[in-house]
Amino acid sequence: MRLMSVLAALLIAAGSAQAATVQPLASFSATATTEGFEGLGGSLANVPAPLSVTGGVFLGPDSSWTNGYAGGDNVLVFAPAAIDFGGALMTEVGFELGGDAPATVDVDLMRGGTSIFTTQIVLSAAVVSGAEPWGFYGFTDAAGIDAIQISATNGRDFFGLDNVIFSADAGPAPVPLPAGLPLLLAGLGALWTVRKARQA
């Protein structure tokens, strides 16, 4: 019986472990903070805590170099770059990334200096009406994300960054069926069958 309890606990713990997932903007909580880099005097030093961006320069009306990046203030990041949340763990993070040339961008979600999720973003070469094409990329992780690292694997090594969204509150989420639950039930059924056979 003790072995059965230990096995059940291990299967439930393994099944309920969650990894970071990609999320659309519409799924972010209403309490999420958005930093659009507007009105910061053209300096990344003025980005409010806990957010910081390294490896970038300011673009837009507050800077002397706009380079055709439309839509107000944003940041030109040179890969490798990082978005950091000052050690705070965010359960929701997202950002807009744009570029006018094809490129593949690696994005690493970090916690405590360790990558917990890696994905690639392919930027299109299409430019519509002279403006940079932008895409939103959002992620959630129940255990929290404290930094995002951005690096280029091919193509250009600089990109536009805007509208960084983050929240420590992912809001109410549905309780998932642990992946190990069917296996646990099958194991319990087998143990029950063996026990009945021994009693007979």
C-alpha atoms as a PDB file:
ATOM      1  CA  MET A   1       0.000   0.000   0.000  1.00  0.00           C
ATOM      2  CA  ARG A   2       2.877   2.357   0.821  1.00  0.00           C
ATOM      3  CA  LEU A   3       4.480   1.631  -2.582  1.00  0.00           C
ATOM      4  CA  MET A   4       1.171   2.368  -4.289  1.00  0.00           C
ATOM      5  CA  SER A   5       0.939   5.758  -2.525  1.00  0.00           C
ATOM      6  CA  VAL A   6       4.475   6.701  -3.535  1.00  0.00           C
ATOM      7  CA  LEU A   7       3.839   5.704  -7.165  1.00  0.00           C
ATOM      8  CA  ALA A   8       0.598   7.695  -7.232  1.00  0.00           C
ATOM      9  CA  ALA A   9       2.334  10.802  -5.856  1.00  0.00           C
ATOM     10  CA  LEU A  10       5.160  10.530  -8.402  1.00  0.00           C
ATOM     11  CA  LEU A  11       2.815  10.088 -11.349  1.00  0.00           C
ATOM     12  CA  ILE A  12       0.643  13.026 -10.322  1.00  0.00           C
ATOM     13  CA  ALA A  13       3.684  15.265  -9.801  1.00  0.00           C
ATOM     14  CA  ALA A  14       5.122  14.315 -13.195  1.00  0.00           C
ATOM     15  CA  GLY A  15       1.821  14.758 -14.955  1.00  0.00           C
ATOM     16  CA  SER A  16       1.096  18.179 -13.503  1.00  0.00           C
ATOM     17  CA  ALA A  17       4.475  19.719 -14.430  1.00  0.00           C
ATOM     18  CA  GLN A  18       3.924  22.530 -16.940  1.00  0.00           C
ATOM     19  CA  ALA A  19       6.253  24.016 -19.514  1.00  0.00           C
ATOM     20  CA  ALA A  20       6.067  27.462 -21.069  1.00  0.00           C
ATOM     21  CA  THR A  21       3.447  27.793 -23.778  1.00  0.00           C
ATOM     22  CA  VAL A  22       2.969  30.231 -26.646  1.00  0.00           C
ATOM     23  CA  GLN A  23      -0.067  32.495 -26.137  1.00  0.00           C
ATOM     24  CA  PRO A  24      -1.884  35.081 -28.276  1.00  0.00           C
ATOM     25  CA  LEU A  25      -2.271  38.640 -26.993  1.00  0.00           C
ATOM     26  CA  ALA A  26      -6.012  38.131 -26.410  1.00  0.00           C
ATOM     27  CA  SER A  27      -5.306  35.495 -23.724  1.00  0.00           C
ATOM     28  CA  PHE A  28      -3.224  37.820 -21.508  1.00  0.00           C
ATOM     29  CA  SER A  29      -4.759  38.938 -18.211  1.00  0.00           C
ATOM     30  CA  ALA A  30      -6.349  42.379 -17.934  1.00  0.00           C
ATOM     31  CA  THR A  31      -3.803  43.284 -15.229  1.00  0.00           C
ATOM     32  CA  ALA A  32      -0.778  42.811 -17.519  1.00  0.00           C
ATOM     33  CA  THR A  33       1.563  45.817 -17.827  1.00  0.00           C
ATOM     34  CA  THR A  34       2.478  47.111 -21.292  1.00  0.00           C
ATOM     35  CA  GLU A  35       5.658  49.108 -21.888  1.00  0.00           C
ATOM     36  CA  GLY A  36       5.434  50.849 -25.254  1.00  0.00           C
ATOM     37  CA  PHE A  37       8.601  52.944 -24.719  1.00  0.00           C
ATOM     38  CA  GLU A  38       6.614  56.163 -25.233  1.00  0.00           C
ATOM     39  CA  GLY A  39       7.745  59.454 -23.692  1.00  0.00           C
ATOM     40  CA  LEU A  40      10.932  58.138 -22.106  1.00  0.00           C
ATOM     41  CA  GLY A  41      13.169  60.906 -23.450  1.00  0.00           C
ATOM     42  CA  GLY A  42      14.927  58.647 -25.928  1.00  0.00           C
ATOM     43  CA  SER A  43      16.794  56.701 -23.247  1.00  0.00           C
ATOM     44  CA  LEU A  44      16.454  53.069 -22.203  1.00  0.00           C
ATOM     45  CA  ALA A  45      17.683  54.149 -18.759  1.00  0.00           C
ATOM     46  CA  ASN A  46      14.231  55.700 -18.266  1.00  0.00           C
ATOM     47  CA  VAL A  47      12.336  52.409 -18.738  1.00  0.00           C
ATOM     48  CA  PRO A  48      10.419  51.887 -15.477  1.00  0.00           C
ATOM     49  CA  ALA A  49      11.368  49.023 -13.142  1.00  0.00           C
ATOM     50  CA  PRO A  50      11.275  46.087 -13.041  1.00  0.00           C
ATOM     51  CA  LEU A  51      11.752  46.060 -16.829  1.00  0.00           C
ATOM     52  CA  SER A  52      15.097  46.666 -18.510  1.00  0.00           C
ATOM     53  CA  VAL A  53      16.339  46.131 -22.058  1.00  0.00           C
ATOM     54  CA  THR A  54      20.004  45.516 -22.845  1.00  0.00           C
ATOM     55  CA  GLY A  55      21.577  45.431 -26.270  1.00  0.00           C
ATOM     56  CA  GLY A  56      19.330  48.102 -27.749  1.00  0.00           C
ATOM     57  CA  VAL A  57      19.040  51.756 -28.694  1.00  0.00           C
ATOM     58  CA  PHE A  58      15.977  53.989 -28.728  1.00  0.00           C
ATOM     59  CA  LEU A  59      14.140  54.693 -31.985  1.00  0.00           C
ATOM     60  CA  GLY A  60      11.179  56.899 -32.822  1.00  0.00           C
ATOM     61  CA  PRO A  61      10.241  60.519 -32.141  1.00  0.00           C
ATOM     62  CA  ASP A  62      12.472  60.700 -29.043  1.00  0.00           C
ATOM     63  CA  SER A  63      15.616  59.707 -30.927  1.00  0.00           C
ATOM     64  CA  SER A  64      17.639  61.112 -33.805  1.00  0.00           C
ATOM     65  CA  TRP A  65      17.504  57.881 -35.830  1.00  0.00           C
ATOM     66  CA  THR A  66      14.071  56.536 -36.770  1.00  0.00           C
ATOM     67  CA  ASN A  67      15.213  54.453 -39.766  1.00  0.00           C
ATOM     68  CA  GLY A  68      11.644  54.025 -40.980  1.00  0.00           C
ATOM     69  CA  TYR A  69      10.353  52.231 -37.887  1.00  0.00           C
ATOM     70  CA  ALA A  70       6.759  53.416 -37.701  1.00  0.00           C
ATOM     71  CA  GLY A  71       4.279  53.589 -34.843  1.00  0.00           C
ATOM     72  CA  GLY A  72       5.918  55.882 -32.301  1.00  0.00           C
ATOM     73  CA  ASP A  73       8.784  55.093 -29.968  1.00  0.00           C
ATOM     74  CA  ASN A  74      10.310  51.644 -30.008  1.00  0.00           C
ATOM     75  CA  VAL A  75      13.681  50.028 -29.441  1.00  0.00           C
ATOM     76  CA  LEU A  76      16.193  48.773 -31.969  1.00  0.00           C
ATOM     77  CA  VAL A  77      17.812  45.704 -30.435  1.00  0.00           C
ATOM     78  CA  PHE A  78      21.083  44.242 -31.607  1.00  0.00           C
ATOM     79  CA  ALA A  79      21.254  40.481 -31.110  1.00  0.00           C
ATOM     80  CA  PRO A  80      22.154  39.175 -28.659  1.00  0.00           C
ATOM     81  CA  ALA A  81      19.840  41.283 -26.523  1.00  0.00           C
ATOM     82  CA  ALA A  82      17.865  40.722 -23.336  1.00  0.00           C
ATOM     83  CA  ILE A  83      14.591  41.787 -21.784  1.00  0.00           C
ATOM     84  CA  ASP A  84      14.974  41.504 -18.018  1.00  0.00           C
ATOM     85  CA  PHE A  85      12.360  41.723 -15.273  1.00  0.00           C
ATOM     86  CA  GLY A  86      14.766  42.577 -12.450  1.00  0.00           C
ATOM     87  CA  GLY A  87      14.592  39.155 -10.826  1.00  0.00           C
ATOM     88  CA  ALA A  88      10.786  39.230 -10.632  1.00  0.00           C
ATOM     89  CA  LEU A  89       9.068  36.097 -11.943  1.00  0.00           C
ATOM     90  CA  MET A  90       6.443  36.853 -14.577  1.00  0.00           C
ATOM     91  CA  THR A  91       3.865  34.245 -15.508  1.00  0.00           C
ATOM     92  CA  GLU A  92       3.004  36.103 -18.727  1.00  0.00           C
ATOM     93  CA  VAL A  93       5.480  37.809 -21.058  1.00  0.00           C
ATOM     94  CA  GLY A  94       5.172  39.047 -24.619  1.00  0.00           C
ATOM     95  CA  PHE A  95       6.566  41.550 -27.098  1.00  0.00           C
ATOM     96  CA  GLU A  96       6.244  42.832 -30.638  1.00  0.00           C
ATOM     97  CA  LEU A  97       9.185  42.198 -32.946  1.00  0.00           C
ATOM     98  CA  GLY A  98       9.653  43.629 -36.420  1.00  0.00           C
ATOM     99  CA  GLY A  99      12.152  43.796 -39.230  1.00  0.00           C
ATOM    100  CA  ASP A 100      12.433  44.693 -42.897  1.00  0.00           C
ATOM    101  CA  ALA A 101      14.621  41.767 -43.967  1.00  0.00           C
ATOM    102  CA  PRO A 102      14.219  38.019 -43.549  1.00  0.00           C
ATOM    103  CA  ALA A 103      15.818  36.666 -40.415  1.00  0.00           C
ATOM    104  CA  THR A 104      15.488  33.828 -37.946  1.00  0.00           C
ATOM    105  CA  VAL A 105      15.472  34.886 -34.305  1.00  0.00           C
ATOM    106  CA  ASP A 106      16.058  32.559 -31.344  1.00  0.00           C
ATOM    107  CA  VAL A 107      14.081  33.434 -28.226  1.00  0.00           C
ATOM    108  CA  ASP A 108      15.036  31.877 -24.876  1.00  0.00           C
ATOM    109  CA  LEU A 109      12.780  32.256 -21.841  1.00  0.00           C
ATOM    110  CA  MET A 110      14.931  32.273 -18.717  1.00  0.00           C
ATOM    111  CA  ARG A 111      14.452  31.536 -15.028  1.00  0.00           C
ATOM    112  CA  GLY A 112      17.349  31.862 -12.606  1.00  0.00           C
ATOM    113  CA  GLY A 113      19.906  32.024 -15.429  1.00  0.00           C
ATOM    114  CA  THR A 114      18.654  28.798 -17.036  1.00  0.00           C
ATOM    115  CA  SER A 115      16.746  28.504 -20.304  1.00  0.00           C
ATOM    116  CA  ILE A 116      13.320  26.953 -19.692  1.00  0.00           C
ATOM    117  CA  PHE A 117      11.891  27.305 -23.211  1.00  0.00           C
ATOM    118  CA  THR A 118      13.400  28.035 -26.632  1.00  0.00           C
ATOM    119  CA  THR A 119      11.621  28.899 -29.854  1.00  0.00           C
ATOM    120  CA  GLN A 120      12.457  30.427 -33.218  1.00  0.00           C
ATOM    121  CA  ILE A 121      10.706  33.382 -34.833  1.00  0.00           C
ATOM    122  CA  VAL A 122      10.996  33.852 -38.587  1.00  0.00           C
ATOM    123  CA  LEU A 123      10.707  37.496 -39.617  1.00  0.00           C
ATOM    124  CA  SER A 124       9.282  38.199 -43.060  1.00  0.00           C
ATOM    125  CA  ALA A 125      10.917  40.391 -45.678  1.00  0.00           C
ATOM    126  CA  ALA A 126       7.568  41.964 -46.575  1.00  0.00           C
ATOM    127  CA  VAL A 127       7.246  45.702 -45.980  1.00  0.00           C
ATOM    128  CA  VAL A 128       3.717  47.124 -46.167  1.00  0.00           C
ATOM    129  CA  SER A 129       3.200  50.843 -46.972  1.00  0.00           C
ATOM    130  CA  GLY A 130       6.791  51.656 -46.026  1.00  0.00           C
ATOM    131  CA  ALA A 131       6.334  50.494 -42.420  1.00  0.00           C
ATOM    132  CA  GLU A 132       8.079  47.647 -40.670  1.00  0.00           C
ATOM    133  CA  PRO A 133       6.015  44.439 -40.366  1.00  0.00           C
ATOM    134  CA  TRP A 134       5.433  43.619 -36.685  1.00  0.00           C
ATOM    135  CA  GLY A 135       4.279  40.464 -34.971  1.00  0.00           C
ATOM    136  CA  PHE A 136       3.266  39.793 -31.352  1.00  0.00           C
ATOM    137  CA  TYR A 137       4.898  36.869 -29.549  1.00  0.00           C
ATOM    138  CA  GLY A 138       3.495  35.908 -26.137  1.00  0.00           C
ATOM    139  CA  PHE A 139       4.383  33.201 -23.634  1.00  0.00           C
ATOM    140  CA  THR A 140       3.092  31.926 -20.292  1.00  0.00           C
ATOM    141  CA  ASP A 141       4.751  29.802 -17.642  1.00  0.00           C
ATOM    142  CA  ALA A 142       3.161  29.038 -14.273  1.00  0.00           C
ATOM    143  CA  ALA A 143       6.536  28.884 -12.487  1.00  0.00           C
ATOM    144  CA  GLY A 144       7.605  32.275 -13.882  1.00  0.00           C
ATOM    145  CA  ILE A 145      10.000  33.841 -16.373  1.00  0.00           C
ATOM    146  CA  ASP A 146      12.581  36.425 -15.229  1.00  0.00           C
ATOM    147  CA  ALA A 147      14.279  37.257 -18.553  1.00  0.00           C
ATOM    148  CA  ILE A 148      14.039  36.823 -22.314  1.00  0.00           C
ATOM    149  CA  GLN A 149      17.161  36.433 -24.433  1.00  0.00           C
ATOM    150  CA  ILE A 150      17.021  37.238 -28.148  1.00  0.00           C
ATOM    151  CA  SER A 151      19.669  36.124 -30.640  1.00  0.00           C
ATOM    152  CA  ALA A 152      19.869  35.819 -34.426  1.00  0.00           C
ATOM    153  CA  THR A 153      20.684  32.565 -36.197  1.00  0.00           C
ATOM    154  CA  ASN A 154      20.660  33.903 -39.749  1.00  0.00           C
ATOM    155  CA  GLY A 155      19.828  37.053 -41.663  1.00  0.00           C
ATOM    156  CA  ARG A 156      20.151  40.429 -40.033  1.00  0.00           C
ATOM    157  CA  ASP A 157      21.117  40.796 -36.388  1.00  0.00           C
ATOM    158  CA  PHE A 158      19.007  43.813 -35.413  1.00  0.00           C
ATOM    159  CA  PHE A 159      15.250  44.091 -34.943  1.00  0.00           C
ATOM    160  CA  GLY A 160      12.571  46.478 -33.772  1.00  0.00           C
ATOM    161  CA  LEU A 161      11.141  45.760 -30.305  1.00  0.00           C
ATOM    162  CA  ASP A 162       7.962  47.330 -28.943  1.00  0.00           C
ATOM    163  CA  ASN A 163       5.068  46.813 -26.534  1.00  0.00           C
ATOM    164  CA  VAL A 164       6.662  44.487 -24.001  1.00  0.00           C
ATOM    165  CA  ILE A 165       3.813  42.990 -21.962  1.00  0.00           C
ATOM    166  CA  PHE A 166       4.310  41.267 -18.633  1.00  0.00           C
ATOM    167  CA  SER A 167       2.346  40.124 -15.620  1.00  0.00           C
ATOM    168  CA  ALA A 168       2.936  38.089 -12.491  1.00  0.00           C
ATOM    169  CA  ASP A 169      -0.742  37.085 -12.557  1.00  0.00           C
ATOM    170  CA  ALA A 170      -1.776  34.711 -15.294  1.00  0.00           C
ATOM    171  CA  GLY A 171      -5.351  34.859 -14.021  1.00  0.00           C
ATOM    172  CA  PRO A 172      -7.525  31.849 -13.396  1.00  0.00           C
ATOM    173  CA  ALA A 173      -6.514  28.961 -15.596  1.00  0.00           C
ATOM    174  CA  PRO A 174      -8.375  25.731 -16.155  1.00  0.00           C
ATOM    175  CA  VAL A 175      -7.071  22.840 -14.079  1.00  0.00           C
ATOM    176  CA  PRO A 176      -5.455  20.462 -16.576  1.00  0.00           C
ATOM    177  CA  LEU A 177      -5.851  16.717 -16.429  1.00  0.00           C
ATOM    178  CA  PRO A 178      -2.445  15.486 -15.276  1.00  0.00           C
ATOM    179  CA  ALA A 179      -0.776  13.611 -18.113  1.00  0.00           C
ATOM    180  CA  GLY A 180      -0.001  10.720 -15.750  1.00  0.00           C
ATOM    181  CA  LEU A 181      -3.577  10.295 -14.484  1.00  0.00           C
ATOM    182  CA  PRO A 182      -4.657   7.670 -17.053  1.00  0.00           C
ATOM    183  CA  LEU A 183      -1.432   5.767 -16.363  1.00  0.00           C
ATOM    184  CA  LEU A 184      -2.044   6.022 -12.620  1.00  0.00           C
ATOM    185  CA  LEU A 185      -5.600   4.698 -12.991  1.00  0.00           C
ATOM    186  CA  ALA A 186      -4.376   1.819 -15.154  1.00  0.00           C
ATOM    187  CA  GLY A 187      -1.720   0.977 -12.554  1.00  0.00           C
ATOM    188  CA  LEU A 188      -4.230   1.080  -9.706  1.00  0.00           C
ATOM    189  CA  GLY A 189      -6.557  -1.166 -11.708  1.00  0.00           C
ATOM    190  CA  ALA A 190      -3.725  -3.657 -12.265  1.00  0.00           C
ATOM    191  CA  LEU A 191      -2.841  -3.639  -8.557  1.00  0.00           C
ATOM    192  CA  TRP A 192      -6.493  -4.191  -7.643  1.00  0.00           C
ATOM    193  CA  THR A 193      -6.676  -7.122 -10.095  1.00  0.00           C
ATOM    194  CA  VAL A 194      -3.510  -8.706  -8.646  1.00  0.00           C
ATOM    195  CA  ARG A 195      -4.806  -8.277  -5.110  1.00  0.00           C
ATOM    196  CA  LYS A 196      -8.166  -9.877  -5.991  1.00  0.00           C
ATOM    197  CA  ALA A 197      -6.327 -12.782  -7.676  1.00  0.00           C
ATOM    198  CA  ARG A 198      -4.231 -13.385  -4.550  1.00  0.00           C
ATOM    199  CA  GLN A 199      -7.324 -13.389  -2.332  1.00  0.00           C
ATOM    200  CA  ALA A 200      -9.065 -15.971  -4.518  1.00  0.00           C
END
